C-alpha atoms as a PDB file:
ATOM      1  CA  MET A   1       3.021  21.124 -19.188  1.00  0.00           C
ATOM      2  CA  SER A   2       4.129  18.502 -21.659  1.00  0.00           C
ATOM      3  CA  THR A   3       1.959  15.428 -22.144  1.00  0.00           C
ATOM      4  CA  PRO A   4       3.432  12.389 -23.944  1.00  0.00           C
ATOM      5  CA  PHE A   5       1.702  11.920 -27.264  1.00  0.00           C
ATOM      6  CA  ARG A   6       1.118   8.221 -26.604  1.00  0.00           C
ATOM      7  CA  GLN A   7      -1.305   9.144 -23.811  1.00  0.00           C
ATOM      8  CA  PHE A   8      -3.274  11.392 -26.154  1.00  0.00           C
ATOM      9  CA  GLN A   9      -3.258   8.646 -28.766  1.00  0.00           C
ATOM     10  CA  ALA A  10      -4.661   6.099 -26.293  1.00  0.00           C
ATOM     11  CA  PHE A  11      -7.321   8.586 -25.175  1.00  0.00           C
ATOM     12  CA  HIS A  12      -8.262   9.412 -28.777  1.00  0.00           C
ATOM     13  CA  ALA A  13      -8.555   5.738 -29.732  1.00  0.00           C
ATOM     14  CA  THR A  14     -10.688   4.956 -26.679  1.00  0.00           C
ATOM     15  CA  MET A  15     -13.045   7.868 -27.358  1.00  0.00           C
ATOM     16  CA  GLN A  16     -13.320   7.068 -31.052  1.00  0.00           C
ATOM     17  CA  ARG A  17     -13.829   3.303 -30.699  1.00  0.00           C
ATOM     18  CA  GLY A  18     -15.803   3.253 -27.482  1.00  0.00           C
ATOM     19  CA  THR A  19     -13.934   0.617 -25.489  1.00  0.00           C
ATOM     20  CA  VAL A  20     -10.464  -0.067 -24.122  1.00  0.00           C
ATOM     21  CA  THR A  21     -10.474  -3.403 -25.955  1.00  0.00           C
ATOM     22  CA  ALA A  22     -11.113  -1.783 -29.338  1.00  0.00           C
ATOM     23  CA  ALA A  23      -8.531   0.934 -28.635  1.00  0.00           C
ATOM     24  CA  ALA A  24      -5.943  -1.700 -27.720  1.00  0.00           C
ATOM     25  CA  ASP A  25      -6.622  -3.631 -30.931  1.00  0.00           C
ATOM     26  CA  HIS A  26      -6.307  -0.443 -32.978  1.00  0.00           C
ATOM     27  CA  LEU A  27      -3.003   0.645 -31.424  1.00  0.00           C
ATOM     28  CA  GLY A  28      -1.542  -2.832 -31.132  1.00  0.00           C
ATOM     29  CA  ILE A  29      -0.916  -2.717 -27.398  1.00  0.00           C
ATOM     30  CA  SER A  30      -2.455  -4.528 -24.428  1.00  0.00           C
ATOM     31  CA  GLN A  31      -5.647  -3.502 -22.664  1.00  0.00           C
ATOM     32  CA  PRO A  32      -3.739  -2.861 -19.415  1.00  0.00           C
ATOM     33  CA  GLY A  33      -1.391  -0.681 -21.433  1.00  0.00           C
ATOM     34  CA  ILE A  34      -4.305   1.455 -22.635  1.00  0.00           C
ATOM     35  CA  SER A  35      -5.734   1.692 -19.120  1.00  0.00           C
ATOM     36  CA  ASN A  36      -2.342   2.740 -17.761  1.00  0.00           C
ATOM     37  CA  LEU A  37      -1.958   5.457 -20.405  1.00  0.00           C
ATOM     38  CA  LEU A  38      -5.429   6.805 -19.634  1.00  0.00           C
ATOM     39  CA  SER A  39      -4.656   6.897 -15.912  1.00  0.00           C
ATOM     40  CA  GLN A  40      -1.394   8.737 -16.608  1.00  0.00           C
ATOM     41  CA  LEU A  41      -3.254  11.288 -18.733  1.00  0.00           C
ATOM     42  CA  GLU A  42      -5.819  11.927 -15.992  1.00  0.00           C
ATOM     43  CA  ARG A  43      -3.042  12.440 -13.439  1.00  0.00           C
ATOM     44  CA  ARG A  44      -1.074  14.770 -15.704  1.00  0.00           C
ATOM     45  CA  THR A  45      -4.062  16.875 -16.734  1.00  0.00           C
ATOM     46  CA  LYS A  46      -5.727  16.714 -13.306  1.00  0.00           C
ATOM     47  CA  LEU A  47      -8.998  16.016 -15.165  1.00  0.00           C
ATOM     48  CA  LYS A  48     -11.430  13.179 -14.646  1.00  0.00           C
ATOM     49  CA  LEU A  49     -11.938  11.960 -18.190  1.00  0.00           C
ATOM     50  CA  PHE A  50     -13.991   8.810 -17.639  1.00  0.00           C
ATOM     51  CA  GLU A  51     -16.526   7.472 -15.200  1.00  0.00           C
ATOM     52  CA  ARG A  52     -15.856   3.778 -14.599  1.00  0.00           C
ATOM     53  CA  THR A  53     -19.196   1.966 -14.305  1.00  0.00           C
ATOM     54  CA  ARG A  54     -19.471  -1.839 -14.312  1.00  0.00           C
ATOM     55  CA  GLY A  55     -16.303  -2.233 -16.308  1.00  0.00           C
ATOM     56  CA  ARG A  56     -17.254   0.449 -18.856  1.00  0.00           C
ATOM     57  CA  LEU A  57     -15.683   3.838 -19.413  1.00  0.00           C
ATOM     58  CA  ILE A  58     -18.208   6.655 -19.734  1.00  0.00           C
ATOM     59  CA  PRO A  59     -16.635   9.895 -21.099  1.00  0.00           C
ATOM     60  CA  THR A  60     -17.090  13.000 -18.980  1.00  0.00           C
ATOM     61  CA  PRO A  61     -17.950  16.403 -20.526  1.00  0.00           C
ATOM     62  CA  GLU A  62     -14.280  17.334 -20.070  1.00  0.00           C
ATOM     63  CA  ALA A  63     -13.279  14.304 -22.133  1.00  0.00           C
ATOM     64  CA  THR A  64     -15.548  15.418 -24.975  1.00  0.00           C
ATOM     65  CA  VAL A  65     -13.988  18.886 -25.043  1.00  0.00           C
ATOM     66  CA  LEU A  66     -10.457  17.459 -24.949  1.00  0.00           C
ATOM     67  CA  PHE A  67     -11.259  15.013 -27.742  1.00  0.00           C
ATOM     68  CA  ASP A  68     -12.463  17.817 -30.023  1.00  0.00           C
ATOM     69  CA  GLU A  69      -9.230  19.726 -29.382  1.00  0.00           C
ATOM     70  CA  ILE A  70      -6.804  16.867 -30.055  1.00  0.00           C
ATOM     71  CA  ASP A  71      -8.704  15.093 -32.848  1.00  0.00           C
ATOM     72  CA  THR A  72      -6.988  16.962 -35.680  1.00  0.00           C
ATOM     73  CA  VAL A  73      -3.553  16.618 -34.054  1.00  0.00           C
ATOM     74  CA  VAL A  74      -3.800  12.856 -33.595  1.00  0.00           C
ATOM     75  CA  ARG A  75      -5.187  12.345 -37.086  1.00  0.00           C
ATOM     76  CA  GLY A  76      -2.308  14.454 -38.379  1.00  0.00           C
ATOM     77  CA  LEU A  77       0.260  12.101 -36.867  1.00  0.00           C
ATOM     78  CA  ASP A  78      -1.615   9.095 -38.245  1.00  0.00           C
ATOM     79  CA  HIS A  79      -1.488  10.791 -41.639  1.00  0.00           C
ATOM     80  CA  VAL A  80       2.286  11.272 -41.358  1.00  0.00           C
ATOM     81  CA  ASN A  81       2.808   7.662 -40.290  1.00  0.00           C
ATOM     82  CA  GLN A  82       0.765   6.440 -43.240  1.00  0.00           C
ATOM     83  CA  ALA A  83       2.778   8.617 -45.632  1.00  0.00           C
ATOM     84  CA  VAL A  84       6.041   7.193 -44.270  1.00  0.00           C
ATOM     85  CA  PHE A  85       4.692   3.663 -44.656  1.00  0.00           C
ATOM     86  CA  ASP A  86       3.667   4.351 -48.251  1.00  0.00           C
ATOM     87  CA  LEU A  87       7.098   5.748 -49.099  1.00  0.00           C
ATOM     88  CA  GLN A  88       8.872   2.824 -47.459  1.00  0.00           C
ATOM     89  CA  ASN A  89       6.782   0.347 -49.435  1.00  0.00           C
ATOM     90  CA  GLN A  90       6.945   2.279 -52.710  1.00  0.00           C
ATOM     91  CA  LYS A  91       3.221   2.757 -52.940  1.00  0.00           C
ATOM     92  CA  ALA A  92       1.953   4.374 -56.112  1.00  0.00           C
ATOM     93  CA  GLY A  93      -0.114   6.950 -54.274  1.00  0.00           C
ATOM     94  CA  GLN A  94      -2.844   7.574 -51.754  1.00  0.00           C
ATOM     95  CA  LEU A  95      -6.393   8.713 -52.404  1.00  0.00           C
ATOM     96  CA  GLN A  96      -7.507  10.949 -49.532  1.00  0.00           C
ATOM     97  CA  VAL A  97     -11.234  11.697 -49.517  1.00  0.00           C
ATOM     98  CA  ALA A  98     -13.555  12.854 -46.756  1.00  0.00           C
ATOM     99  CA  THR A  99     -17.282  13.164 -47.490  1.00  0.00           C
ATOM    100  CA  ASN A 100     -20.469  14.071 -45.720  1.00  0.00           C
ATOM    101  CA  HIS A 101     -22.619  11.155 -44.595  1.00  0.00           C
ATOM    102  CA  ALA A 102     -25.111  11.354 -47.460  1.00  0.00           C
ATOM    103  CA  LEU A 103     -22.475  10.379 -50.029  1.00  0.00           C
ATOM    104  CA  ALA A 104     -20.752   7.846 -47.782  1.00  0.00           C
ATOM    105  CA  PHE A 105     -23.391   5.096 -47.778  1.00  0.00           C
ATOM    106  CA  GLY A 106     -23.381   4.223 -51.455  1.00  0.00           C
ATOM    107  CA  PHE A 107     -22.201   6.813 -53.945  1.00  0.00           C
ATOM    108  CA  MET A 108     -18.636   7.358 -52.719  1.00  0.00           C
ATOM    109  CA  PRO A 109     -17.745   3.698 -51.973  1.00  0.00           C
ATOM    110  CA  ALA A 110     -18.860   2.825 -55.505  1.00  0.00           C
ATOM    111  CA  GLN A 111     -16.746   5.638 -56.970  1.00  0.00           C
ATOM    112  CA  ILE A 112     -13.701   4.570 -54.968  1.00  0.00           C
ATOM    113  CA  ALA A 113     -14.139   0.931 -55.989  1.00  0.00           C
ATOM    114  CA  GLU A 114     -14.339   1.909 -59.664  1.00  0.00           C
ATOM    115  CA  PHE A 115     -11.318   4.192 -59.366  1.00  0.00           C
ATOM    116  CA  SER A 116      -9.273   1.448 -57.673  1.00  0.00           C
ATOM    117  CA  LYS A 117      -9.617  -0.915 -60.627  1.00  0.00           C
ATOM    118  CA  GLY A 118      -6.298  -1.076 -62.446  1.00  0.00           C
ATOM    119  CA  ARG A 119      -4.504   0.642 -59.556  1.00  0.00           C
ATOM    120  CA  PRO A 120      -3.359  -2.281 -57.382  1.00  0.00           C
ATOM    121  CA  ASN A 121      -0.852  -0.175 -55.419  1.00  0.00           C
ATOM    122  CA  LEU A 122      -3.310   2.560 -54.517  1.00  0.00           C
ATOM    123  CA  THR A 123      -3.953   3.136 -50.817  1.00  0.00           C
ATOM    124  CA  ILE A 124      -7.173   4.796 -49.730  1.00  0.00           C
ATOM    125  CA  ALA A 125      -7.985   7.118 -46.835  1.00  0.00           C
ATOM    126  CA  PHE A 126     -11.758   7.506 -46.741  1.00  0.00           C
ATOM    127  CA  GLN A 127     -13.782   9.055 -43.904  1.00  0.00           C
ATOM    128  CA  SER A 128     -17.320  10.347 -43.496  1.00  0.00           C
ATOM    129  CA  GLN A 129     -17.906  13.218 -41.107  1.00  0.00           C
ATOM    130  CA  TYR A 130     -19.936  16.352 -40.542  1.00  0.00           C
ATOM    131  CA  SER A 131     -19.181  19.176 -42.942  1.00  0.00           C
ATOM    132  CA  GLY A 132     -17.424  21.564 -40.567  1.00  0.00           C
ATOM    133  CA  LYS A 133     -14.906  18.898 -39.586  1.00  0.00           C
ATOM    134  CA  ILE A 134     -14.307  17.945 -43.236  1.00  0.00           C
ATOM    135  CA  GLN A 135     -13.411  21.536 -44.055  1.00  0.00           C
ATOM    136  CA  GLU A 136     -11.063  21.615 -41.084  1.00  0.00           C
ATOM    137  CA  TRP A 137      -9.361  18.398 -42.188  1.00  0.00           C
ATOM    138  CA  VAL A 138      -8.782  19.650 -45.745  1.00  0.00           C
ATOM    139  CA  THR A 139      -7.451  22.968 -44.480  1.00  0.00           C
ATOM    140  CA  ALA A 140      -5.043  21.136 -42.169  1.00  0.00           C
ATOM    141  CA  GLY A 141      -3.860  18.833 -44.960  1.00  0.00           C
ATOM    142  CA  LEU A 142      -5.239  15.650 -43.408  1.00  0.00           C
ATOM    143  CA  PHE A 143      -7.384  14.984 -46.485  1.00  0.00           C
ATOM    144  CA  GLU A 144      -6.775  16.206 -50.001  1.00  0.00           C
ATOM    145  CA  ILE A 145     -10.414  16.199 -51.161  1.00  0.00           C
ATOM    146  CA  GLY A 146     -13.465  17.095 -49.121  1.00  0.00           C
ATOM    147  CA  ILE A 147     -17.091  16.814 -50.230  1.00  0.00           C
ATOM    148  CA  CYS A 148     -19.403  18.534 -47.781  1.00  0.00           C
ATOM    149  CA  GLU A 149     -22.463  20.702 -47.341  1.00  0.00           C
ATOM    150  CA  MET A 150     -22.562  24.464 -47.677  1.00  0.00           C
ATOM    151  CA  PRO A 151     -21.672  26.857 -46.207  1.00  0.00           C
ATOM    152  CA  VAL A 152     -17.868  26.824 -46.318  1.00  0.00           C
ATOM    153  CA  ARG A 153     -16.595  28.504 -43.172  1.00  0.00           C
ATOM    154  CA  GLN A 154     -12.864  27.795 -43.511  1.00  0.00           C
ATOM    155  CA  GLU A 155     -10.623  30.139 -45.473  1.00  0.00           C
ATOM    156  CA  GLY A 156      -8.125  28.941 -48.075  1.00  0.00           C
ATOM    157  CA  LEU A 157     -10.384  26.404 -49.782  1.00  0.00           C
ATOM    158  CA  THR A 158     -11.114  26.146 -53.490  1.00  0.00           C
ATOM    159  CA  GLN A 159     -14.807  25.379 -54.022  1.00  0.00           C
ATOM    160  CA  LYS A 160     -16.918  23.689 -56.686  1.00  0.00           C
ATOM    161  CA  HIS A 161     -20.653  23.891 -56.053  1.00  0.00           C
ATOM    162  CA  PHE A 162     -23.401  21.425 -56.912  1.00  0.00           C
ATOM    163  CA  PHE A 163     -27.131  21.707 -56.224  1.00  0.00           C
ATOM    164  CA  PHE A 164     -29.347  18.653 -55.843  1.00  0.00           C
ATOM    165  CA  GLU A 165     -33.115  18.522 -55.708  1.00  0.00           C
ATOM    166  CA  THR A 166     -34.509  16.663 -52.721  1.00  0.00           C
ATOM    167  CA  LEU A 167     -37.512  14.363 -53.079  1.00  0.00           C
ATOM    168  CA  CYS A 168     -40.334  13.771 -50.625  1.00  0.00           C
ATOM    169  CA  ALA A 169     -40.445  10.293 -49.110  1.00  0.00           C
ATOM    170  CA  LEU A 170     -43.772   9.100 -47.658  1.00  0.00           C
ATOM    171  CA  PRO A 171     -44.739   5.900 -45.838  1.00  0.00           C
ATOM    172  CA  ALA A 172     -45.848   3.319 -48.391  1.00  0.00           C
ATOM    173  CA  ASP A 173     -49.425   3.318 -47.121  1.00  0.00           C
ATOM    174  CA  SER A 174     -49.880   7.096 -47.088  1.00  0.00           C
ATOM    175  CA  GLU A 175     -52.901   8.322 -49.023  1.00  0.00           C
ATOM    176  CA  LEU A 176     -50.830  11.275 -50.214  1.00  0.00           C
ATOM    177  CA  GLY A 177     -48.887   8.869 -52.407  1.00  0.00           C
ATOM    178  CA  ARG A 178     -51.661   9.171 -54.991  1.00  0.00           C
ATOM    179  CA  HIS A 179     -50.272  12.597 -55.931  1.00  0.00           C
ATOM    180  CA  GLU A 180     -47.422  12.781 -58.420  1.00  0.00           C
ATOM    181  CA  VAL A 181     -46.292  16.108 -56.966  1.00  0.00           C
ATOM    182  CA  LEU A 182     -46.559  17.183 -53.346  1.00  0.00           C
ATOM    183  CA  THR A 183     -46.877  20.781 -52.203  1.00  0.00           C
ATOM    184  CA  PRO A 184     -47.048  22.581 -48.858  1.00  0.00           C
ATOM    185  CA  GLU A 185     -50.820  22.823 -49.302  1.00  0.00           C
ATOM    186  CA  ARG A 186     -51.170  19.051 -49.734  1.00  0.00           C
ATOM    187  CA  LEU A 187     -48.850  18.402 -46.782  1.00  0.00           C
ATOM    188  CA  ASP A 188     -50.490  21.011 -44.548  1.00  0.00           C
ATOM    189  CA  GLY A 189     -50.217  19.661 -40.985  1.00  0.00           C
ATOM    190  CA  TYR A 190     -48.714  16.336 -42.090  1.00  0.00           C
ATOM    191  CA  PRO A 191     -45.952  15.096 -39.716  1.00  0.00           C
ATOM    192  CA  PHE A 192     -42.416  15.768 -40.975  1.00  0.00           C
ATOM    193  CA  ILE A 193     -39.037  14.325 -40.085  1.00  0.00           C
ATOM    194  CA  VAL A 194     -36.367  17.000 -40.466  1.00  0.00           C
ATOM    195  CA  MET A 195     -32.578  17.281 -40.449  1.00  0.00           C
ATOM    196  CA  GLY A 196     -32.420  19.654 -37.485  1.00  0.00           C
ATOM    197  CA  THR A 197     -34.142  23.025 -37.569  1.00  0.00           C
ATOM    198  CA  ASP A 198     -31.008  24.861 -38.794  1.00  0.00           C
ATOM    199  CA  HIS A 199     -30.197  22.488 -41.656  1.00  0.00           C
ATOM    200  CA  MET A 200     -30.557  24.097 -45.087  1.00  0.00           C
ATOM    201  CA  VAL A 201     -33.222  21.606 -46.230  1.00  0.00           C
ATOM    202  CA  SER A 202     -35.286  22.077 -43.066  1.00  0.00           C
ATOM    203  CA  ARG A 203     -34.980  25.848 -43.231  1.00  0.00           C
ATOM    204  CA  ARG A 204     -35.953  26.026 -46.894  1.00  0.00           C
ATOM    205  CA  THR A 205     -38.874  23.652 -46.382  1.00  0.00           C
ATOM    206  CA  ARG A 206     -40.147  25.720 -43.477  1.00  0.00           C
ATOM    207  CA  GLU A 207     -39.911  28.867 -45.620  1.00  0.00           C
ATOM    208  CA  ALA A 208     -41.816  27.157 -48.453  1.00  0.00           C
ATOM    209  CA  PHE A 209     -44.654  26.198 -46.097  1.00  0.00           C
ATOM    210  CA  HIS A 210     -44.720  29.672 -44.568  1.00  0.00           C
ATOM    211  CA  SER A 211     -44.875  31.374 -47.972  1.00  0.00           C
ATOM    212  CA  ARG A 212     -47.894  29.223 -48.904  1.00  0.00           C
ATOM    213  CA  GLY A 213     -49.667  29.709 -45.578  1.00  0.00           C
ATOM    214  CA  ALA A 214     -49.419  25.971 -44.769  1.00  0.00           C
ATOM    215  CA  ARG A 215     -48.593  24.406 -41.388  1.00  0.00           C
ATOM    216  CA  PHE A 216     -45.147  22.784 -41.188  1.00  0.00           C
ATOM    217  CA  ARG A 217     -45.596  20.152 -38.494  1.00  0.00           C
ATOM    218  CA  ILE A 218     -42.290  18.728 -37.225  1.00  0.00           C
ATOM    219  CA  LYS A 219     -42.649  15.246 -35.753  1.00  0.00           C
ATOM    220  CA  SER A 220     -38.981  14.334 -35.346  1.00  0.00           C
ATOM    221  CA  HIS A 221     -35.454  15.743 -35.663  1.00  0.00           C
ATOM    222  CA  THR A 222     -32.472  13.658 -36.735  1.00  0.00           C
ATOM    223  CA  ASP A 223     -28.908  14.190 -37.952  1.00  0.00           C
ATOM    224  CA  LEU A 224     -28.704  12.013 -41.086  1.00  0.00           C
ATOM    225  CA  PHE A 225     -30.871  11.672 -44.178  1.00  0.00           C
ATOM    226  CA  ARG A 226     -30.471   7.914 -43.745  1.00  0.00           C
ATOM    227  CA  ASN A 227     -32.034   8.123 -40.292  1.00  0.00           C
ATOM    228  CA  ALA A 228     -34.864  10.281 -41.600  1.00  0.00           C
ATOM    229  CA  LEU A 229     -35.621   7.780 -44.353  1.00  0.00           C
ATOM    230  CA  ASN A 230     -35.661   4.898 -41.865  1.00  0.00           C
ATOM    231  CA  LEU A 231     -38.185   6.808 -39.749  1.00  0.00           C
ATOM    232  CA  VAL A 232     -40.346   7.320 -42.845  1.00  0.00           C
ATOM    233  CA  LYS A 233     -40.272   3.555 -43.382  1.00  0.00           C
ATOM    234  CA  GLN A 234     -41.628   3.135 -39.864  1.00  0.00           C
ATOM    235  CA  GLY A 235     -44.586   5.365 -40.689  1.00  0.00           C
ATOM    236  CA  LEU A 236     -43.605   8.383 -38.561  1.00  0.00           C
ATOM    237  CA  GLY A 237     -44.105  10.936 -41.324  1.00  0.00           C
ATOM    238  CA  ALA A 238     -42.679  12.478 -44.483  1.00  0.00           C
ATOM    239  CA  ALA A 239     -39.122  13.655 -45.111  1.00  0.00           C
ATOM    240  CA  LEU A 240     -37.247  15.424 -47.879  1.00  0.00           C
ATOM    241  CA  ILE A 241     -34.336  13.173 -48.823  1.00  0.00           C
ATOM    242  CA  ASP A 242     -31.245  13.794 -50.948  1.00  0.00           C
ATOM    243  CA  PRO A 243     -30.759  11.738 -54.146  1.00  0.00           C
ATOM    244  CA  PHE A 244     -27.586   9.999 -52.906  1.00  0.00           C
ATOM    245  CA  THR A 245     -29.374   8.455 -49.938  1.00  0.00           C
ATOM    246  CA  LEU A 246     -32.298   7.382 -52.116  1.00  0.00           C
ATOM    247  CA  ARG A 247     -30.021   5.750 -54.695  1.00  0.00           C
ATOM    248  CA  SER A 248     -28.216   3.698 -52.051  1.00  0.00           C
ATOM    249  CA  ASP A 249     -31.420   2.471 -50.364  1.00  0.00           C
ATOM    250  CA  ASP A 250     -33.472  -0.648 -51.111  1.00  0.00           C
ATOM    251  CA  GLY A 251     -36.595   1.430 -51.823  1.00  0.00           C
ATOM    252  CA  ALA A 252     -38.835  -0.655 -49.573  1.00  0.00           C
ATOM    253  CA  GLY A 253     -41.457   0.746 -47.213  1.00  0.00           C
ATOM    254  CA  TYR A 254     -41.944   4.167 -48.765  1.00  0.00           C
ATOM    255  CA  VAL A 255     -42.846   6.045 -51.937  1.00  0.00           C
ATOM    256  CA  VAL A 256     -41.030   9.034 -53.401  1.00  0.00           C
ATOM    257  CA  ARG A 257     -42.676  12.068 -54.962  1.00  0.00           C
ATOM    258  CA  ARG A 258     -41.448  15.407 -56.269  1.00  0.00           C
ATOM    259  CA  PHE A 259     -41.948  18.386 -53.998  1.00  0.00           C
ATOM    260  CA  GLU A 260     -42.784  21.862 -55.293  1.00  0.00           C
ATOM    261  CA  PRO A 261     -41.330  24.364 -54.839  1.00  0.00           C
ATOM    262  CA  ALA A 262     -38.049  22.491 -55.270  1.00  0.00           C
ATOM    263  CA  ILE A 263     -35.998  22.270 -52.071  1.00  0.00           C
ATOM    264  CA  LEU A 264     -32.306  22.080 -52.848  1.00  0.00           C
ATOM    265  CA  PHE A 265     -29.401  20.421 -51.082  1.00  0.00           C
ATOM    266  CA  ASP A 266     -26.130  22.312 -51.662  1.00  0.00           C
ATOM    267  CA  ILE A 267     -22.905  20.308 -51.890  1.00  0.00           C
ATOM    268  CA  VAL A 268     -19.392  21.638 -52.406  1.00  0.00           C
ATOM    269  CA  ILE A 269     -16.118  19.927 -53.295  1.00  0.00           C
ATOM    270  CA  VAL A 270     -13.283  21.610 -51.411  1.00  0.00           C
ATOM    271  CA  THR A 271      -9.528  21.394 -51.874  1.00  0.00           C
ATOM    272  CA  ALA A 272      -6.746  23.453 -50.336  1.00  0.00           C
ATOM    273  CA  THR A 273      -5.993  26.588 -52.345  1.00  0.00           C
ATOM    274  CA  ASP A 274      -2.329  26.698 -51.342  1.00  0.00           C
ATOM    275  CA  ARG A 275      -1.537  23.033 -52.104  1.00  0.00           C
ATOM    276  CA  PRO A 276      -1.660  21.558 -55.620  1.00  0.00           C
ATOM    277  CA  LEU A 277      -3.687  18.422 -56.087  1.00  0.00           C
ATOM    278  CA  SER A 278      -1.791  15.182 -56.491  1.00  0.00           C
ATOM    279  CA  ALA A 279      -2.130  13.304 -59.779  1.00  0.00           C
ATOM    280  CA  ILE A 280      -4.254  10.712 -57.953  1.00  0.00           C
ATOM    281  CA  GLY A 281      -6.542  13.396 -56.552  1.00  0.00           C
ATOM    282  CA  ARG A 282      -6.966  15.094 -59.893  1.00  0.00           C
ATOM    283  CA  GLN A 283      -7.758  11.814 -61.656  1.00  0.00           C
ATOM    284  CA  PHE A 284     -10.324  10.929 -59.011  1.00  0.00           C
ATOM    285  CA  LEU A 285     -12.089  14.276 -59.338  1.00  0.00           C
ATOM    286  CA  ASP A 286     -12.078  13.870 -63.127  1.00  0.00           C
ATOM    287  CA  GLN A 287     -14.148  10.726 -62.547  1.00  0.00           C
ATOM    288  CA  VAL A 288     -16.402  11.958 -59.741  1.00  0.00           C
ATOM    289  CA  GLU A 289     -17.311  15.485 -60.839  1.00  0.00           C
ATOM    290  CA  PRO A 290     -19.144  14.439 -64.050  1.00  0.00           C
ATOM    291  CA  ARG A 291     -21.121  11.841 -62.064  1.00  0.00           C
ATOM    292  CA  MET A 292     -22.197  14.484 -59.585  1.00  0.00           C
ATOM    293  CA  ARG A 293     -23.087  16.914 -62.373  1.00  0.00           C
ATOM    294  CA  ASP A 294     -25.308  14.243 -63.942  1.00  0.00           C
ATOM    295  CA  MET A 295     -27.312  14.064 -60.704  1.00  0.00           C
ATOM    296  CA  ALA A 296     -27.311  17.807 -60.008  1.00  0.00           C
ATOM    297  CA  ILE A 297     -29.695  20.390 -61.389  1.00  0.00           C
ATOM    298  CA  LYS A 298     -28.338  22.764 -64.002  1.00  0.00           C
ATOM    299  CA  LYS A 299     -28.827  25.883 -61.943  1.00  0.00           C
ATOM    300  CA  LYS A 300     -30.126  26.836 -58.539  1.00  0.00           C
ATOM    301  CA  LYS A 301     -33.921  27.004 -58.367  1.00  0.00           C
ATOM    302  CA  SER A 302     -34.589  27.972 -54.767  1.00  0.00           C
ATOM    303  CA  GLY A 303     -33.110  28.387 -51.330  1.00  0.00           C
ATOM    304  CA  ASP A 304     -30.608  30.798 -49.935  1.00  0.00           C
ATOM    305  CA  PRO A 305     -28.224  32.711 -52.177  1.00  0.00           C
ATOM    306  CA  LEU A 306     -24.555  31.805 -51.905  1.00  0.00           C
END
């Protein structure tokens, strides 16, 4: 069964932007046009993709599965269209970078802004996403440079590893702030905000507490270091936070202390092994890699072996 790509594109835009209005603005067509394309897609696929409640479209579980399957395909066409546009307008080049969320709030925008100076014809494709999707995008050629968390699960990627020491953020009024260094013993039973139980930082922290015979009390789970830090500001507990998030924050409402044993956050720069880097990509990495090395530790202190 063949499904016109325009229907997939309308579905993708609606899922990604949340409303028919936003999807219509993005694709440059009318709201009725988007609604018609979505109805055509439902008829062709014989799937109910949205529940229509009080004028809002609520995605069904089937819609979520379909979105995951077509996301790379639709982004691929957008990538091709952008390349054609750049060639038609004699653009000097395109910087294509996808990063994990920790680098996206402050570090990477600042690096891109600095790199753009003196390059008025440079176009920029910049996305933040979870690490598995970033690796998929680089493998598929949708982005030239990916900066993500370990482990790397995609084949055909060249890797450069960096290890960053996390710091312990505490509510500003916590009595534990009197210590210059925090340990599992000092934080025994203290509420913690963690990045999901399977995240490398959570796993390594749990192992550190276990090895010292201290209680690792999880108060809250979240998916971003930024969210964890905001919960610390609200007094919910402590959290180990990466240095990129801390550097891009205003520093209000919490104190930061070293944690021993050091809990590391592993970052990797990935590029496609079978595709040479563009001159723009190489120049950008020549700028970014030394900055990351300045923030990284010299060698791995703790955590899982690679």
